[in-house]
Amino acid sequence: MQNLTMDMPETGQKAKADPKAAANTDASAINAADFPLREARRLVKDLWQPNPRIYWTDFLISCTLGWAAIVTATLAPFLSLLQIAAMIVATLAMYRAVIFIHELAHFRKNTFGLFRAVWNATCGMPMLVPSYSYTDVHIDHHKPQVYGTKEDGEYLPFAVDKPWKILAFLAGTAITPALLLVRSTVIFLIACIVPPVRTFMWRHLSSLVIDFTYDRPAPRPGQGKSWFLQDLGAAAYAFLGLGLIYAGIVPVAFLGVWYVMTFLVLLLNGLRTLAAHAYRNPGDRRMTQQEEFLDSVDVPGNRYITPLWAPVGLRFHATHHLFPGMPYHQLEKAHERLKAELPDNRLYLAASRKNLWVALTRLWHEAKAAQAKG
C-alpha cells in the first residue's frame, strides 16, 4: 500500500472539492491520516437510530413483490414478454430482499429478533442463504485487524492481481445456484449423519464470501444449534420445492425460473461487490479506519436507478465503512451532510465514483497496470 499524500489547505482555511474532480482523485494523491474522522463522527451523531417501520415496509414489499413475480414468471409462456418482465421484477425485488442480510449483520444484539426470524423464514431460507451464513463473516470484515487482510473473506486484491480473476469471479456466479442447492440437500443430509462433514461444511461451505479459500472459525458456544436449525430450514424448503416438482404439483419451470433469477441476483451482487472497494491491499498489512474508508467506494449516482444494483444503502458503501452501525435509511443523509458540512470535503469525496461503469473500469485498469508492472 503506497504512502498516500495530498496538498491540504493551510490551517484555518476551508476547502471544498468539486464532487466530479474529487471522485477522480487518484489514490496516490491522498494522505489517509488527514481524513477528519472526529469531525465526521460529530456531524452524523444523530443518525444512528433505526426506524423499524422503514425496515418492515421495505422488506415486506420487496419480498412479496419478488415471490409474486417468480410465480408469474413460472406460469407465463416461455420467453414471452410477460415472463421476461416478471423475471426482471423478480430479480430486482428478491435482490433487494436478500440484501437485508447485510442489515441483519449490523443489528445490535437482541434487537430486531422478529424481523430476523421473518427474514429467514420468507427469504433467507427459501433462497438457501440463512442469516448465519453472513453475520459473523461480515462483522469480521469490519474489524481493523481483519479488513483487507488474508483473513478477510470479503476481500481479494483485485486491483493488484491478474485481471482475469475479476472475470473468473463473475463467471462463478453461473454455477453458484447449483452449489447452493447441492449444499442444502445432498451435503446437508450427509452432514447430519457424519459430524466431520458437518464441520467441513460449516468451515468451508457456509459463508457468503468472495474468497473461496476462506476458512471460517468454528461456531462459538451456543451457535452450533442455531446454525443447524437454519440449515435445516433451508433444506426443508429445498426438499419441499423439489418434492412438489417431482409430484407434478409445481411446474418444472419453477426450478428454471429460480435458477436464472438466483444467478442474476448473484451477478448483480457480484458487480456491486467489485465496485464496493478499491481492492488495493495485497493482504499483508492492516489498515487504519481512514485507509479502510479510502479503500472503499461510494457511488451515490441516481437515487432511483443506482439502488437497483446497490440496494438497501449499499451505494454509500464507503460511508458505511466509516459508520458500520448506521441504519441504511440514514446513509444518504449522512453522505449529503458530510459533503456539505465537512470543513474540507476533498478526502471524503475522493472515495466516490460517478457510476458503476466508472468504478468497474477503474478497477480493471488498475489490475491491468499492476500486471504490466509484473
Protein backbone atom coordinates (compact mmCIF):
# COMPACT_ATOMS: atom_id res chain seq x y z
CA MET A 1 0.00 0.00 0.00
CA GLN A 2 1.56 3.25 -1.07
CA ASN A 3 2.08 6.22 1.22
CA LEU A 4 -0.79 8.48 0.26
CA THR A 5 -0.20 12.24 0.20
CA MET A 6 -2.14 15.28 -0.92
CA ASP A 7 -1.80 19.07 -0.68
CA MET A 8 -4.08 20.22 2.12
CA PRO A 9 -5.29 23.75 2.93
CA GLU A 10 -3.44 25.93 5.38
CA THR A 11 -4.62 25.91 8.98
CA GLY A 12 -7.84 27.86 9.43
CA GLN A 13 -8.84 27.64 5.79
CA LYS A 14 -11.80 25.74 4.46
CA ALA A 15 -11.61 23.83 1.22
CA LYS A 16 -14.38 22.29 -0.78
CA ALA A 17 -13.77 19.92 -3.65
CA ASP A 18 -15.81 19.77 -6.78
CA PRO A 19 -17.56 16.37 -6.47
CA LYS A 20 -16.62 15.30 -10.01
CA ALA A 21 -12.98 16.27 -9.55
CA ALA A 22 -12.77 14.66 -6.13
CA ALA A 23 -14.30 11.44 -7.37
CA ASN A 24 -11.50 11.17 -9.91
CA THR A 25 -8.72 11.94 -7.41
CA ASP A 26 -6.01 9.32 -7.68
CA ALA A 27 -5.31 7.35 -4.51
CA SER A 28 -1.63 8.20 -4.77
CA ALA A 29 -2.51 11.85 -4.11
CA ILE A 30 -4.21 11.21 -0.78
CA ASN A 31 -2.91 11.03 2.77
CA ALA A 32 -5.42 8.87 4.63
CA ALA A 33 -4.19 10.09 8.02
CA ASP A 34 -5.52 13.58 7.19
CA PHE A 35 -9.12 12.37 6.97
CA PRO A 36 -11.18 14.35 9.56
CA LEU A 37 -12.69 11.29 11.24
CA ARG A 38 -13.59 13.01 14.51
CA GLU A 39 -15.38 15.84 12.72
CA ALA A 40 -17.23 13.37 10.51
CA ARG A 41 -18.48 11.46 13.55
CA ARG A 42 -19.68 14.66 15.15
CA LEU A 43 -21.69 15.64 12.08
CA VAL A 44 -23.67 12.38 11.96
CA LYS A 45 -24.07 11.61 15.67
CA ASP A 46 -27.88 11.96 15.42
CA LEU A 47 -28.31 9.44 12.57
CA TRP A 48 -27.87 6.15 14.40
CA GLN A 49 -31.44 5.25 15.31
CA PRO A 50 -33.00 2.58 13.05
CA ASN A 51 -36.66 3.01 12.11
CA PRO A 52 -38.42 -0.39 12.36
CA ARG A 53 -41.32 0.83 10.20
CA ILE A 54 -38.96 1.53 7.31
CA TYR A 55 -37.31 -1.88 7.67
CA TRP A 56 -40.59 -3.81 7.78
CA THR A 57 -42.25 -1.87 4.95
CA ASP A 58 -39.25 -2.01 2.62
CA PHE A 59 -38.52 -5.68 3.19
CA LEU A 60 -42.11 -6.96 3.08
CA ILE A 61 -42.89 -5.08 -0.14
CA SER A 62 -39.66 -6.31 -1.77
CA CYS A 63 -40.13 -9.91 -0.68
CA THR A 64 -43.82 -10.08 -1.58
CA LEU A 65 -43.23 -8.50 -4.97
CA GLY A 66 -40.32 -10.84 -5.59
CA TRP A 67 -42.20 -14.06 -4.90
CA ALA A 68 -45.26 -12.85 -6.81
CA ALA A 69 -43.04 -12.14 -9.82
CA ILE A 70 -41.43 -15.59 -9.52
CA VAL A 71 -44.87 -17.22 -9.62
CA THR A 72 -45.83 -15.07 -12.61
CA ALA A 73 -42.63 -15.95 -14.47
CA THR A 74 -43.21 -19.64 -13.74
CA LEU A 75 -46.75 -19.63 -15.14
CA ALA A 76 -46.10 -17.33 -18.10
CA PRO A 77 -45.36 -18.75 -21.57
CA PHE A 78 -41.66 -19.46 -22.13
CA LEU A 79 -39.72 -16.34 -23.21
CA SER A 80 -42.91 -14.31 -23.52
CA LEU A 81 -42.79 -10.60 -22.77
CA LEU A 82 -44.71 -11.32 -19.58
CA GLN A 83 -42.14 -13.87 -18.43
CA ILE A 84 -39.20 -11.61 -19.26
CA ALA A 85 -40.80 -8.68 -17.44
CA ALA A 86 -41.63 -10.88 -14.45
CA MET A 87 -38.03 -12.17 -14.34
CA ILE A 88 -36.69 -8.63 -14.26
CA VAL A 89 -39.04 -7.68 -11.43
CA ALA A 90 -38.30 -10.92 -9.55
CA THR A 91 -34.55 -10.38 -9.82
CA LEU A 92 -34.58 -6.78 -8.62
CA ALA A 93 -37.14 -7.35 -5.86
CA MET A 94 -35.56 -10.53 -4.48
CA TYR A 95 -32.11 -8.98 -4.73
CA ARG A 96 -33.28 -6.12 -2.53
CA ALA A 97 -35.00 -8.51 -0.12
CA VAL A 98 -31.92 -10.75 0.18
CA ILE A 99 -29.57 -7.80 0.72
CA PHE A 100 -31.31 -7.10 4.02
CA ILE A 101 -28.97 -9.82 5.30
CA HIS A 102 -26.38 -7.04 5.40
CA GLU A 103 -28.53 -5.07 7.84
CA LEU A 104 -29.10 -8.19 9.94
CA ALA A 105 -25.34 -8.49 10.36
CA HIS A 106 -25.16 -4.99 11.86
CA PHE A 107 -28.18 -5.08 14.18
CA ARG A 108 -27.24 -4.74 17.83
CA LYS A 109 -27.50 -7.95 19.80
CA ASN A 110 -31.02 -8.82 21.00
CA THR A 111 -32.71 -6.31 18.68
CA PHE A 112 -34.96 -6.89 15.64
CA GLY A 113 -35.40 -10.55 16.66
CA LEU A 114 -38.79 -10.91 14.97
CA PHE A 115 -37.53 -9.19 11.81
CA ARG A 116 -34.60 -11.61 11.65
CA ALA A 117 -36.92 -14.60 12.06
CA VAL A 118 -39.33 -13.38 9.38
CA TRP A 119 -36.46 -12.60 7.00
CA ASN A 120 -35.07 -16.10 7.43
CA ALA A 121 -38.46 -17.78 7.02
CA THR A 122 -39.60 -15.84 3.95
CA CYS A 123 -36.35 -15.00 2.18
CA GLY A 124 -33.10 -16.33 3.61
CA MET A 125 -34.01 -19.99 3.96
CA PRO A 126 -36.03 -20.34 0.73
CA MET A 127 -33.20 -18.62 -1.13
CA LEU A 128 -30.78 -21.04 0.62
CA VAL A 129 -28.79 -18.25 2.31
CA PRO A 130 -29.80 -18.28 6.00
CA SER A 131 -28.64 -15.30 8.04
CA TYR A 132 -25.79 -17.08 9.84
CA SER A 133 -24.02 -17.56 6.50
CA TYR A 134 -23.17 -13.86 6.53
CA THR A 135 -23.48 -12.36 10.01
CA ASP A 136 -20.17 -13.17 11.74
CA VAL A 137 -18.24 -13.23 8.47
CA HIS A 138 -19.30 -9.68 7.68
CA ILE A 139 -18.59 -8.36 11.16
CA ASP A 140 -15.03 -9.68 10.80
CA HIS A 141 -14.80 -7.75 7.51
CA HIS A 142 -15.25 -4.54 9.53
CA LYS A 143 -12.62 -5.35 12.17
CA PRO A 144 -9.46 -3.23 11.78
CA GLN A 145 -7.23 -6.25 12.36
CA VAL A 146 -9.04 -8.23 9.64
CA TYR A 147 -10.18 -5.82 6.89
CA GLY A 148 -8.24 -6.24 3.68
CA THR A 149 -6.01 -9.00 5.05
CA LYS A 150 -5.88 -12.65 4.07
CA GLU A 151 -8.27 -13.40 6.95
CA ASP A 152 -10.98 -11.23 5.35
CA GLY A 153 -13.29 -13.49 3.35
CA GLU A 154 -14.96 -10.48 1.71
CA TYR A 155 -11.79 -9.06 0.23
CA LEU A 156 -9.46 -10.03 -2.61
CA PRO A 157 -6.66 -7.80 -4.00
CA PHE A 158 -8.27 -7.47 -7.43
CA ALA A 159 -6.58 -4.14 -8.21
CA VAL A 160 -3.06 -5.54 -7.72
CA ASP A 161 -3.69 -9.00 -9.16
CA LYS A 162 -4.28 -10.52 -12.59
CA PRO A 163 -7.32 -9.01 -14.38
CA TRP A 164 -8.69 -12.43 -15.38
CA LYS A 165 -9.51 -13.07 -11.71
CA ILE A 166 -12.14 -10.34 -11.91
CA LEU A 167 -13.81 -12.15 -14.81
CA ALA A 168 -13.46 -15.52 -13.07
CA PHE A 169 -15.18 -14.13 -10.01
CA LEU A 170 -18.17 -13.04 -12.10
CA ALA A 171 -18.23 -16.27 -14.09
CA GLY A 172 -18.52 -18.24 -10.85
CA THR A 173 -21.99 -16.83 -10.25
CA ALA A 174 -23.32 -19.04 -13.06
CA ILE A 175 -22.80 -22.24 -11.07
CA THR A 176 -23.40 -20.88 -7.57
CA PRO A 177 -27.18 -21.59 -7.56
CA ALA A 178 -26.44 -25.25 -8.27
CA LEU A 179 -23.86 -25.32 -5.48
CA LEU A 180 -26.36 -23.78 -3.07
CA LEU A 181 -28.92 -26.42 -3.97
CA VAL A 182 -26.45 -29.31 -3.60
CA ARG A 183 -25.21 -27.92 -0.29
CA SER A 184 -28.73 -27.65 1.14
CA THR A 185 -29.73 -31.16 0.06
CA VAL A 186 -27.02 -33.77 -0.52
CA ILE A 187 -24.25 -32.27 1.61
CA PHE A 188 -26.64 -31.32 4.41
CA LEU A 189 -28.02 -34.86 4.61
CA ILE A 190 -24.52 -36.32 4.82
CA ALA A 191 -23.57 -33.68 7.41
CA CYS A 192 -26.48 -34.79 9.59
CA ILE A 193 -25.03 -38.31 9.71
CA VAL A 194 -21.29 -37.68 9.61
CA PRO A 195 -20.11 -34.99 12.11
CA PRO A 196 -16.77 -34.34 10.34
CA VAL A 197 -18.70 -33.45 7.17
CA ARG A 198 -20.79 -31.00 9.18
CA THR A 199 -17.60 -29.40 10.49
CA PHE A 200 -16.20 -29.17 6.95
CA MET A 201 -19.50 -27.73 5.65
CA TRP A 202 -19.55 -25.02 8.30
CA ARG A 203 -15.89 -24.13 7.83
CA HIS A 204 -15.75 -24.11 4.02
CA LEU A 205 -19.29 -24.18 2.55
CA SER A 206 -21.34 -21.89 4.79
CA SER A 207 -20.09 -18.37 4.22
CA LEU A 208 -21.17 -15.70 1.74
CA VAL A 209 -17.67 -14.58 0.79
CA ILE A 210 -15.66 -13.84 -2.35
CA ASP A 211 -12.52 -15.66 -1.23
CA PHE A 212 -13.27 -19.34 -1.77
CA THR A 213 -10.22 -20.35 0.30
CA TYR A 214 -11.79 -18.71 3.36
CA ASP A 215 -11.65 -20.90 6.47
CA ARG A 216 -14.50 -19.91 8.77
CA PRO A 217 -13.92 -20.14 12.54
CA ALA A 218 -15.85 -22.85 14.36
CA PRO A 219 -19.19 -21.80 15.87
CA ARG A 220 -18.94 -20.24 19.30
CA PRO A 221 -20.70 -21.94 22.22
CA GLY A 222 -24.45 -21.87 21.56
CA GLN A 223 -24.10 -21.01 17.87
CA GLY A 224 -23.98 -24.56 16.56
CA LYS A 225 -27.65 -25.25 17.35
CA SER A 226 -28.77 -22.03 15.65
CA TRP A 227 -26.64 -22.76 12.58
CA PHE A 228 -28.04 -26.28 12.32
CA LEU A 229 -31.65 -25.11 12.64
CA GLN A 230 -31.16 -22.51 9.94
CA ASP A 231 -29.58 -25.14 7.67
CA LEU A 232 -32.50 -27.42 8.47
CA GLY A 233 -34.94 -24.72 7.42
CA ALA A 234 -33.11 -24.13 4.13
CA ALA A 235 -33.01 -27.89 3.50
CA ALA A 236 -36.74 -28.18 4.22
CA TYR A 237 -37.51 -25.53 1.59
CA ALA A 238 -35.18 -27.21 -0.92
CA PHE A 239 -36.66 -30.68 -0.44
CA LEU A 240 -40.22 -29.32 -0.39
CA GLY A 241 -39.70 -27.50 -3.68
CA LEU A 242 -38.07 -30.50 -5.36
CA GLY A 243 -40.75 -32.81 -3.97
CA LEU A 244 -43.61 -30.65 -5.28
CA ILE A 245 -41.95 -30.52 -8.69
CA TYR A 246 -41.48 -34.30 -8.70
CA ALA A 247 -45.14 -34.80 -7.73
CA GLY A 248 -46.26 -32.56 -10.57
CA ILE A 249 -47.87 -30.05 -8.22
CA VAL A 250 -45.38 -27.30 -9.09
CA PRO A 251 -44.27 -26.87 -12.73
CA VAL A 252 -40.71 -27.84 -13.61
CA ALA A 253 -40.40 -24.29 -14.95
CA PHE A 254 -40.25 -23.07 -11.35
CA LEU A 255 -36.81 -24.63 -10.92
CA GLY A 256 -35.57 -22.92 -14.07
CA VAL A 257 -37.02 -19.57 -13.01
CA TRP A 258 -35.49 -19.90 -9.54
CA TYR A 259 -32.09 -20.81 -11.01
CA VAL A 260 -31.98 -17.97 -13.53
CA MET A 261 -33.29 -15.43 -11.03
CA THR A 262 -30.76 -16.54 -8.38
CA PHE A 263 -27.95 -16.35 -10.93
CA LEU A 264 -28.98 -12.82 -11.93
CA VAL A 265 -29.18 -11.76 -8.28
CA LEU A 266 -25.68 -13.14 -7.70
CA LEU A 267 -24.37 -11.48 -10.86
CA LEU A 268 -25.78 -8.09 -9.85
CA ASN A 269 -24.34 -8.51 -6.39
CA GLY A 270 -21.02 -9.57 -7.90
CA LEU A 271 -20.83 -6.39 -9.96
CA ARG A 272 -21.78 -4.35 -6.90
CA THR A 273 -19.13 -6.14 -4.85
CA LEU A 274 -16.43 -5.31 -7.40
CA ALA A 275 -17.49 -1.66 -7.19
CA ALA A 276 -17.61 -1.63 -3.39
CA HIS A 277 -13.86 -1.38 -2.74
CA ALA A 278 -10.66 -0.31 -4.44
CA TYR A 279 -9.11 -3.70 -3.51
CA ARG A 280 -5.55 -2.32 -3.43
CA ASN A 281 -4.30 -4.07 -0.28
CA PRO A 282 -2.30 -7.21 -1.16
CA GLY A 283 -3.47 -8.64 2.16
CA ASP A 284 -0.18 -8.37 4.05
CA ARG A 285 -0.88 -5.32 6.19
CA ARG A 286 -3.54 -3.93 8.47
CA MET A 287 -5.25 -0.69 7.57
CA THR A 288 -6.42 2.24 9.67
CA GLN A 289 -10.09 3.18 9.59
CA GLN A 290 -9.23 6.14 7.37
CA GLU A 291 -7.36 3.86 4.94
CA GLU A 292 -10.26 1.41 5.02
CA PHE A 293 -12.64 4.23 4.10
CA LEU A 294 -10.46 5.37 1.20
CA ASP A 295 -10.18 1.77 0.02
CA SER A 296 -13.98 1.64 -0.10
CA VAL A 297 -16.28 3.25 -2.64
CA ASP A 298 -19.43 5.39 -2.61
CA VAL A 299 -21.47 5.50 -5.82
CA PRO A 300 -24.27 7.96 -4.97
CA GLY A 301 -25.42 8.01 -8.60
CA ASN A 302 -29.11 8.46 -9.29
CA ARG A 303 -31.24 7.90 -6.20
CA TYR A 304 -33.80 5.89 -8.23
CA ILE A 305 -31.58 3.91 -10.64
CA THR A 306 -28.45 3.19 -8.58
CA PRO A 307 -30.35 1.40 -5.76
CA LEU A 308 -31.45 -1.19 -8.31
CA TRP A 309 -27.90 -2.61 -8.36
CA ALA A 310 -26.77 -1.29 -4.95
CA PRO A 311 -29.90 -1.65 -2.78
CA VAL A 312 -30.50 -1.03 0.91
CA GLY A 313 -27.97 1.77 1.27
CA LEU A 314 -25.04 -0.01 -0.38
CA ARG A 315 -24.45 2.77 -2.90
CA PHE A 316 -22.89 4.53 0.12
CA HIS A 317 -20.53 1.69 0.88
CA ALA A 318 -17.53 3.84 1.83
CA THR A 319 -19.70 5.88 4.20
CA HIS A 320 -20.96 2.60 5.63
CA HIS A 321 -17.36 1.61 6.38
CA LEU A 322 -16.94 4.85 8.30
CA PHE A 323 -20.10 4.16 10.31
CA PRO A 324 -20.88 0.41 10.14
CA GLY A 325 -23.72 0.52 12.64
CA MET A 326 -25.65 3.32 10.92
CA PRO A 327 -29.02 2.11 9.54
CA TYR A 328 -29.23 2.02 5.77
CA HIS A 329 -32.01 4.60 5.54
CA GLN A 330 -29.73 7.26 7.12
CA LEU A 331 -26.70 6.80 4.89
CA GLU A 332 -27.83 9.15 2.13
CA LYS A 333 -28.48 11.87 4.69
CA ALA A 334 -25.04 11.24 6.22
CA HIS A 335 -23.42 11.44 2.79
CA GLU A 336 -25.08 14.74 1.92
CA ARG A 337 -24.26 16.22 5.32
CA LEU A 338 -20.59 15.24 5.20
CA LYS A 339 -20.26 16.50 1.64
CA ALA A 340 -21.77 19.85 2.59
CA GLU A 341 -20.51 20.44 6.12
CA LEU A 342 -17.02 18.99 6.44
CA PRO A 343 -14.57 21.92 6.57
CA ASP A 344 -12.54 20.12 3.88
CA ASN A 345 -14.53 17.53 1.98
CA ARG A 346 -11.88 16.54 -0.57
CA LEU A 347 -10.80 13.38 1.19
CA TYR A 348 -14.39 12.35 1.77
CA LEU A 349 -15.33 12.81 -1.88
CA ALA A 350 -12.19 11.01 -3.05
CA ALA A 351 -13.92 7.74 -2.12
CA SER A 352 -16.76 8.40 -4.58
CA ARG A 353 -17.19 7.13 -8.14
CA LYS A 354 -19.57 8.61 -10.70
CA ASN A 355 -21.33 5.36 -11.56
CA LEU A 356 -20.94 1.58 -11.72
CA TRP A 357 -19.13 1.66 -15.05
CA VAL A 358 -16.53 4.12 -13.77
CA ALA A 359 -15.95 2.04 -10.65
CA LEU A 360 -15.55 -1.21 -12.60
CA THR A 361 -13.34 0.19 -15.35
CA ARG A 362 -11.12 1.87 -12.78
CA LEU A 363 -10.64 -1.46 -11.00
CA TRP A 364 -9.91 -3.20 -14.31
CA HIS A 365 -7.38 -0.58 -15.44
CA GLU A 366 -5.56 -0.72 -12.10
CA ALA A 367 -5.35 -4.51 -12.36
CA LYS A 368 -4.02 -4.18 -15.94
CA ALA A 369 -1.45 -1.63 -14.78
CA ALA A 370 -0.37 -3.90 -11.93
CA GLN A 371 0.03 -6.79 -14.36
CA ALA A 372 2.12 -4.64 -16.71
CA LYS A 373 4.47 -3.81 -13.84
CA GLY A 374 4.96 -7.53 -13.31
